[in-house]
Amino acid sequence: MLDSKLDCFLAVATEGSIRKASEKLNIAASAVSRKITGLEEDLGVPLFERHARGLRLTEAGQIFADHARKVMRHESWALGEIEALRNLQRGRLRIYCVEGTINGLITPAIAAFRKKAPGVKLTVTRSGSTGVMRAVAADEADLGLAFDPPKHRDVTVVADVPAPLYAVSAPDFGMPDGPLSLADLAHHPISIPQDSSYGIRDVIDQGLRARADVTLDPPMQCDSVYGLMGFALTGQGITILPKCCFEEEEARGLVVARPITDMPLSQSRIALVSRLHRNLPPLTRRFCTILAQVMRESAF
């Protein structure tokens, strides 16, 4: 980082606390405090005001935060271009993604990427679709992979592919053959994500709002794809997932899947996103190309 003062300032602005910022940056709280004080002395205005729950940006602080984020974005781009001159052997890449894409999409893309860039440090963070979009918008992630993500004014879609939802159960559970509707699923025990911050649940809820005659009463809600799959694998009932979440289990005969006919469940998508108007560094562009190709080749 070329200017550690900006790094400290943005960390405090994000965390709302010098202590939390120091833990995030792994430096002493006193050092963070000195850098904030130095910035305020340089600018001649207070950047934060204290309140009961911590620190909050002043009006001047909000203006400076916008400036600082632009500086950091430009610095990231410049450093990325410099790394390109080093044959893409160094650098870092931060990816936020929904859990179900890790095995089927993220992992093979990383394997292909690291063959030519083994020295690059990658960080993969699991989040719901809403969290992915927020992280990309806040420059906490270079790229995001989300299921049917909500639109965000500061985020753009780099690539997307169809990812319709399927009803998934153990082979001996007795799920009906052929395409199913939400009305069909309402007669069976079902497990789904717990709230709309997860793209899958948001799409399911949209489908239910279009079917006032259908209500799901899931005996289990879970924020983990592995938990949802566990519900199906153990024969407890049905879960609803895109194919990338259960492709391996289906190939091994551990689960069966039926397409769901209701819109928008039948037309949902997985999207690769980045920050709007950001010039992606060479490392990020290369990974984007690889991941987009993996997405296109995957059988959804």
Protein backbone atom coordinates (compact mmCIF):
# COMPACT_ATOMS: atom_id res chain seq x y z
CA MET A 1 0.00 0.00 0.00
CA LEU A 2 1.58 3.28 -1.09
CA ASP A 3 -0.23 5.42 1.51
CA SER A 4 -0.96 3.62 4.77
CA LYS A 5 -2.86 6.67 6.09
CA LEU A 6 -5.57 6.13 3.49
CA ASP A 7 -5.67 2.42 4.28
CA CYS A 8 -6.19 3.18 7.98
CA PHE A 9 -8.75 5.88 7.26
CA LEU A 10 -10.88 3.63 5.06
CA ALA A 11 -10.65 0.78 7.56
CA VAL A 12 -11.92 3.03 10.37
CA ALA A 13 -14.64 4.43 8.08
CA THR A 14 -15.79 0.89 7.24
CA GLU A 15 -15.54 -0.60 10.74
CA GLY A 16 -16.68 2.47 12.68
CA SER A 17 -14.03 1.76 15.31
CA ILE A 18 -10.28 2.26 15.69
CA ARG A 19 -10.00 -1.03 17.60
CA LYS A 20 -11.82 -3.03 14.91
CA ALA A 21 -9.79 -1.30 12.18
CA SER A 22 -6.55 -2.18 13.96
CA GLU A 23 -7.63 -5.83 14.20
CA LYS A 24 -8.54 -5.87 10.50
CA LEU A 25 -5.21 -4.31 9.50
CA ASN A 26 -3.24 -6.25 12.13
CA ILE A 27 -1.50 -3.13 13.45
CA ALA A 28 -1.64 -1.41 16.83
CA ALA A 29 -4.68 0.72 17.61
CA SER A 30 -2.37 3.54 18.68
CA ALA A 31 -0.75 3.53 15.23
CA VAL A 32 -4.16 3.72 13.55
CA SER A 33 -5.16 6.58 15.83
CA ARG A 34 -1.95 8.50 15.04
CA LYS A 35 -2.51 8.16 11.30
CA ILE A 36 -6.11 9.42 11.58
CA THR A 37 -4.94 12.35 13.73
CA GLY A 38 -2.22 13.11 11.18
CA LEU A 39 -4.73 13.16 8.34
CA GLU A 40 -7.04 15.49 10.26
CA GLU A 41 -4.11 17.82 11.00
CA ASP A 42 -3.05 17.80 7.35
CA LEU A 43 -6.59 18.59 6.18
CA GLY A 44 -7.43 20.98 9.00
CA VAL A 45 -10.85 19.45 9.66
CA PRO A 46 -12.18 16.53 11.74
CA LEU A 47 -12.95 13.45 9.66
CA PHE A 48 -14.83 11.52 12.35
CA GLU A 49 -17.24 12.30 15.13
CA ARG A 50 -17.69 10.06 18.13
CA HIS A 51 -21.07 8.66 19.10
CA ALA A 52 -22.37 5.92 21.36
CA ARG A 53 -21.64 3.10 18.90
CA GLY A 54 -18.22 4.24 17.74
CA LEU A 55 -16.95 6.62 15.06
CA ARG A 56 -18.99 8.15 12.25
CA LEU A 57 -17.76 10.15 9.26
CA THR A 58 -18.29 13.90 9.33
CA GLU A 59 -19.42 15.65 6.16
CA ALA A 60 -15.77 16.36 5.37
CA GLY A 61 -14.96 12.74 6.17
CA GLN A 62 -17.53 11.50 3.66
CA ILE A 63 -16.04 13.70 0.95
CA PHE A 64 -12.54 12.48 1.79
CA ALA A 65 -13.72 8.84 1.86
CA ASP A 66 -14.94 9.15 -1.75
CA HIS A 67 -11.56 10.62 -2.70
CA ALA A 68 -9.65 7.93 -0.80
CA ARG A 69 -11.56 5.10 -2.50
CA LYS A 70 -10.79 6.58 -5.92
CA VAL A 71 -7.10 6.87 -5.03
CA MET A 72 -7.03 3.27 -3.81
CA ARG A 73 -8.78 2.04 -6.97
CA HIS A 74 -6.30 3.89 -9.18
CA GLU A 75 -3.42 2.56 -7.12
CA SER A 76 -4.75 -0.98 -7.42
CA TRP A 77 -4.99 -0.58 -11.19
CA ALA A 78 -1.45 0.84 -11.43
CA LEU A 79 0.01 -1.91 -9.28
CA GLY A 80 -1.84 -4.47 -11.35
CA GLU A 81 -0.37 -3.10 -14.56
CA ILE A 82 3.10 -3.22 -13.00
CA GLU A 83 2.50 -6.82 -12.01
CA ALA A 84 1.67 -7.53 -15.63
CA LEU A 85 5.23 -6.57 -16.51
CA ARG A 86 6.39 -9.27 -14.10
CA ASN A 87 4.70 -11.98 -16.17
CA LEU A 88 1.74 -12.26 -13.82
CA GLN A 89 3.81 -14.10 -11.23
CA ARG A 90 2.91 -11.89 -8.27
CA GLY A 91 -0.07 -9.98 -6.92
CA ARG A 92 -3.36 -10.73 -5.20
CA LEU A 93 -6.92 -11.42 -6.22
CA ARG A 94 -9.96 -11.17 -3.92
CA ILE A 95 -13.10 -13.10 -4.88
CA TYR A 96 -16.48 -13.09 -3.16
CA CYS A 97 -18.87 -15.84 -4.23
CA VAL A 98 -22.00 -17.72 -3.25
CA GLU A 99 -21.13 -21.04 -1.63
CA GLY A 100 -22.62 -23.28 -4.30
CA THR A 101 -20.20 -21.99 -6.95
CA ILE A 102 -17.00 -22.86 -5.07
CA ASN A 103 -16.64 -26.51 -6.11
CA GLY A 104 -18.12 -26.41 -9.60
CA LEU A 105 -16.89 -23.03 -10.88
CA ILE A 106 -14.38 -21.24 -8.65
CA THR A 107 -12.13 -24.24 -7.91
CA PRO A 108 -11.56 -25.33 -11.55
CA ALA A 109 -11.03 -21.70 -12.59
CA ILE A 110 -8.39 -21.22 -9.89
CA ALA A 111 -6.67 -24.46 -10.90
CA ALA A 112 -6.41 -23.28 -14.52
CA PHE A 113 -5.35 -19.77 -13.49
CA ARG A 114 -2.57 -20.90 -11.15
CA LYS A 115 -0.86 -22.98 -13.83
CA LYS A 116 0.50 -19.75 -15.32
CA ALA A 117 0.35 -17.55 -12.21
CA PRO A 118 1.42 -19.76 -9.27
CA GLY A 119 2.75 -16.83 -7.25
CA VAL A 120 -0.53 -14.92 -7.14
CA LYS A 121 -2.28 -14.91 -3.75
CA LEU A 122 -6.01 -15.59 -3.95
CA THR A 123 -8.62 -15.03 -1.28
CA VAL A 124 -12.06 -16.60 -1.70
CA THR A 125 -14.82 -15.42 0.63
CA ARG A 126 -18.24 -17.07 0.85
CA SER A 127 -21.25 -14.75 1.04
CA GLY A 128 -24.87 -14.44 0.00
CA SER A 129 -25.65 -12.76 -3.32
CA THR A 130 -26.42 -9.44 -1.63
CA GLY A 131 -23.14 -9.62 0.28
CA VAL A 132 -21.23 -10.36 -2.93
CA MET A 133 -22.65 -7.23 -4.59
CA ARG A 134 -21.88 -5.06 -1.55
CA ALA A 135 -18.29 -6.31 -1.34
CA VAL A 136 -17.66 -5.62 -5.04
CA ALA A 137 -19.26 -2.16 -4.80
CA ALA A 138 -17.12 -1.32 -1.76
CA ASP A 139 -13.90 -2.54 -3.44
CA GLU A 140 -13.53 -5.25 -0.83
CA ALA A 141 -13.57 -7.76 -3.70
CA ASP A 142 -12.04 -7.61 -7.16
CA LEU A 143 -14.64 -9.99 -8.57
CA GLY A 144 -17.90 -11.52 -7.41
CA LEU A 145 -19.87 -14.57 -8.42
CA ALA A 146 -23.52 -14.43 -7.40
CA PHE A 147 -26.77 -16.28 -8.03
CA ASP A 148 -29.38 -14.03 -9.65
CA PRO A 149 -27.91 -10.98 -7.87
CA PRO A 150 -29.91 -7.83 -7.15
CA LYS A 151 -29.00 -4.86 -9.35
CA HIS A 152 -26.51 -2.39 -7.88
CA ARG A 153 -25.68 1.00 -9.38
CA ASP A 154 -21.93 0.53 -8.75
CA VAL A 155 -21.64 -3.05 -10.05
CA THR A 156 -21.61 -4.38 -13.60
CA VAL A 157 -22.08 -7.89 -14.96
CA VAL A 158 -18.97 -9.20 -16.75
CA ALA A 159 -20.52 -12.52 -17.78
CA ASP A 160 -23.56 -14.57 -16.87
CA VAL A 161 -24.96 -18.00 -17.68
CA PRO A 162 -28.32 -19.72 -17.16
CA ALA A 163 -28.62 -21.47 -13.78
CA PRO A 164 -32.19 -22.79 -13.42
CA LEU A 165 -33.20 -24.23 -10.08
CA TYR A 166 -33.89 -27.94 -9.57
CA ALA A 167 -35.70 -29.97 -6.95
CA VAL A 168 -33.11 -32.34 -5.45
CA SER A 169 -33.63 -35.41 -3.25
CA ALA A 170 -32.16 -38.82 -2.43
CA PRO A 171 -33.07 -41.44 -5.07
CA ASP A 172 -35.25 -43.43 -2.64
CA PHE A 173 -37.15 -40.43 -1.29
CA GLY A 174 -39.93 -40.89 -3.83
CA MET A 175 -39.86 -37.52 -5.58
CA PRO A 176 -42.25 -37.53 -8.59
CA ASP A 177 -40.80 -37.98 -12.08
CA GLY A 178 -40.63 -35.20 -14.64
CA PRO A 179 -40.67 -31.41 -14.26
CA LEU A 180 -42.23 -30.16 -11.01
CA SER A 181 -43.97 -26.97 -9.94
CA LEU A 182 -43.83 -25.18 -6.61
CA ALA A 183 -47.34 -26.52 -6.02
CA ASP A 184 -45.96 -30.08 -6.38
CA LEU A 185 -43.13 -29.36 -3.94
CA ALA A 186 -45.50 -27.90 -1.34
CA HIS A 187 -46.67 -31.46 -0.54
CA HIS A 188 -43.19 -32.58 0.56
CA PRO A 189 -40.76 -31.63 3.35
CA ILE A 190 -38.39 -29.09 1.87
CA SER A 191 -35.25 -27.22 2.90
CA ILE A 192 -34.35 -23.78 1.52
CA PRO A 193 -32.05 -20.85 2.42
CA GLN A 194 -33.29 -18.80 5.32
CA ASP A 195 -33.62 -15.28 3.89
CA SER A 196 -33.56 -13.21 0.72
CA SER A 197 -29.91 -12.16 1.11
CA TYR A 198 -29.26 -15.52 -0.55
CA GLY A 199 -30.10 -15.34 -4.24
CA ILE A 200 -31.71 -18.79 -4.29
CA ARG A 201 -34.21 -17.82 -1.59
CA ASP A 202 -34.97 -14.53 -3.30
CA VAL A 203 -35.82 -16.35 -6.55
CA ILE A 204 -37.96 -18.88 -4.69
CA ASP A 205 -39.84 -16.07 -2.94
CA GLN A 206 -40.44 -14.33 -6.28
CA GLY A 207 -41.95 -17.55 -7.60
CA LEU A 208 -44.16 -17.91 -4.55
CA ARG A 209 -45.42 -14.34 -4.82
CA ALA A 210 -46.63 -15.19 -8.32
CA ARG A 211 -48.49 -18.23 -6.93
CA ALA A 212 -50.76 -16.99 -4.17
CA ASP A 213 -52.25 -20.47 -3.90
CA VAL A 214 -48.91 -22.05 -2.90
CA THR A 215 -47.19 -21.90 0.49
CA LEU A 216 -43.98 -23.65 1.50
CA ASP A 217 -43.53 -24.63 5.13
CA PRO A 218 -39.91 -25.83 5.27
CA PRO A 219 -38.98 -27.96 8.31
CA MET A 220 -35.40 -26.71 7.91
CA GLN A 221 -33.89 -23.47 6.64
CA CYS A 222 -30.12 -23.21 6.28
CA ASP A 223 -27.58 -20.64 5.05
CA SER A 224 -25.21 -23.36 3.76
CA VAL A 225 -25.44 -25.34 0.53
CA TYR A 226 -23.83 -28.25 2.37
CA GLY A 227 -26.61 -28.13 4.96
CA LEU A 228 -29.27 -28.06 2.25
CA MET A 229 -27.61 -30.95 0.42
CA GLY A 230 -27.31 -32.87 3.67
CA PHE A 231 -31.08 -32.61 4.12
CA ALA A 232 -31.59 -34.19 0.69
CA LEU A 233 -28.76 -36.74 0.88
CA THR A 234 -30.05 -38.21 4.14
CA GLY A 235 -33.50 -38.75 2.66
CA GLN A 236 -35.27 -36.17 4.82
CA GLY A 237 -36.86 -34.38 1.90
CA ILE A 238 -36.26 -32.07 -1.05
CA THR A 239 -34.03 -29.02 -1.47
CA ILE A 240 -33.89 -26.46 -4.28
CA LEU A 241 -30.51 -25.71 -5.88
CA PRO A 242 -28.80 -24.89 -9.21
CA LYS A 243 -26.97 -27.76 -10.90
CA CYS A 244 -23.47 -26.53 -9.97
CA CYS A 245 -24.31 -27.28 -6.33
CA PHE A 246 -25.10 -30.98 -6.82
CA GLU A 247 -23.52 -31.99 -10.15
CA GLU A 248 -20.95 -34.30 -8.53
CA GLU A 249 -23.51 -36.00 -6.25
CA GLU A 250 -25.88 -36.52 -9.18
CA ALA A 251 -23.12 -38.09 -11.28
CA ARG A 252 -22.39 -40.51 -8.43
CA GLY A 253 -26.06 -41.46 -8.15
CA LEU A 254 -26.41 -39.98 -4.66
CA VAL A 255 -29.24 -37.62 -5.64
CA VAL A 256 -31.83 -37.17 -8.35
CA ALA A 257 -32.97 -33.82 -9.71
CA ARG A 258 -36.11 -32.53 -11.39
CA PRO A 259 -36.44 -29.19 -13.23
CA ILE A 260 -38.82 -26.66 -11.68
CA THR A 261 -41.25 -25.08 -14.12
CA ASP A 262 -42.22 -21.90 -12.26
CA MET A 263 -40.70 -18.59 -13.28
CA PRO A 264 -38.30 -17.14 -12.31
CA LEU A 265 -36.87 -20.41 -10.91
CA SER A 266 -36.60 -21.82 -14.42
CA GLN A 267 -34.81 -18.72 -15.74
CA SER A 268 -32.38 -17.76 -12.98
CA ARG A 269 -28.72 -17.05 -13.74
CA ILE A 270 -25.26 -17.00 -12.20
CA ALA A 271 -23.40 -13.72 -12.77
CA LEU A 272 -19.73 -12.77 -12.66
CA VAL A 273 -19.55 -9.14 -11.53
CA SER A 274 -17.01 -6.37 -11.00
CA ARG A 275 -17.14 -2.74 -9.93
CA LEU A 276 -18.66 -0.41 -12.49
CA HIS A 277 -16.15 1.79 -14.40
CA ARG A 278 -13.20 0.03 -12.81
CA ASN A 279 -10.22 -0.69 -15.06
CA LEU A 280 -9.51 -4.31 -14.21
CA PRO A 281 -5.80 -5.09 -13.70
CA PRO A 282 -4.25 -7.80 -15.91
CA LEU A 283 -4.45 -10.41 -13.15
CA THR A 284 -8.16 -9.82 -12.74
CA ARG A 285 -8.78 -9.74 -16.48
CA ARG A 286 -7.02 -13.08 -16.92
CA PHE A 287 -9.00 -14.71 -14.13
CA CYS A 288 -12.22 -13.21 -15.55
CA THR A 289 -11.52 -14.82 -18.92
CA ILE A 290 -10.84 -18.21 -17.35
CA LEU A 291 -13.83 -18.14 -15.00
CA ALA A 292 -16.20 -16.97 -17.75
CA GLN A 293 -15.04 -19.89 -19.89
CA VAL A 294 -15.61 -22.36 -17.03
CA MET A 295 -19.09 -20.91 -16.55
CA ARG A 296 -19.94 -21.32 -20.24
CA GLU A 297 -18.65 -24.90 -20.32
CA SER A 298 -20.55 -25.98 -17.21
CA ALA A 299 -23.74 -27.90 -17.84
CA PHE A 300 -26.55 -26.06 -16.10
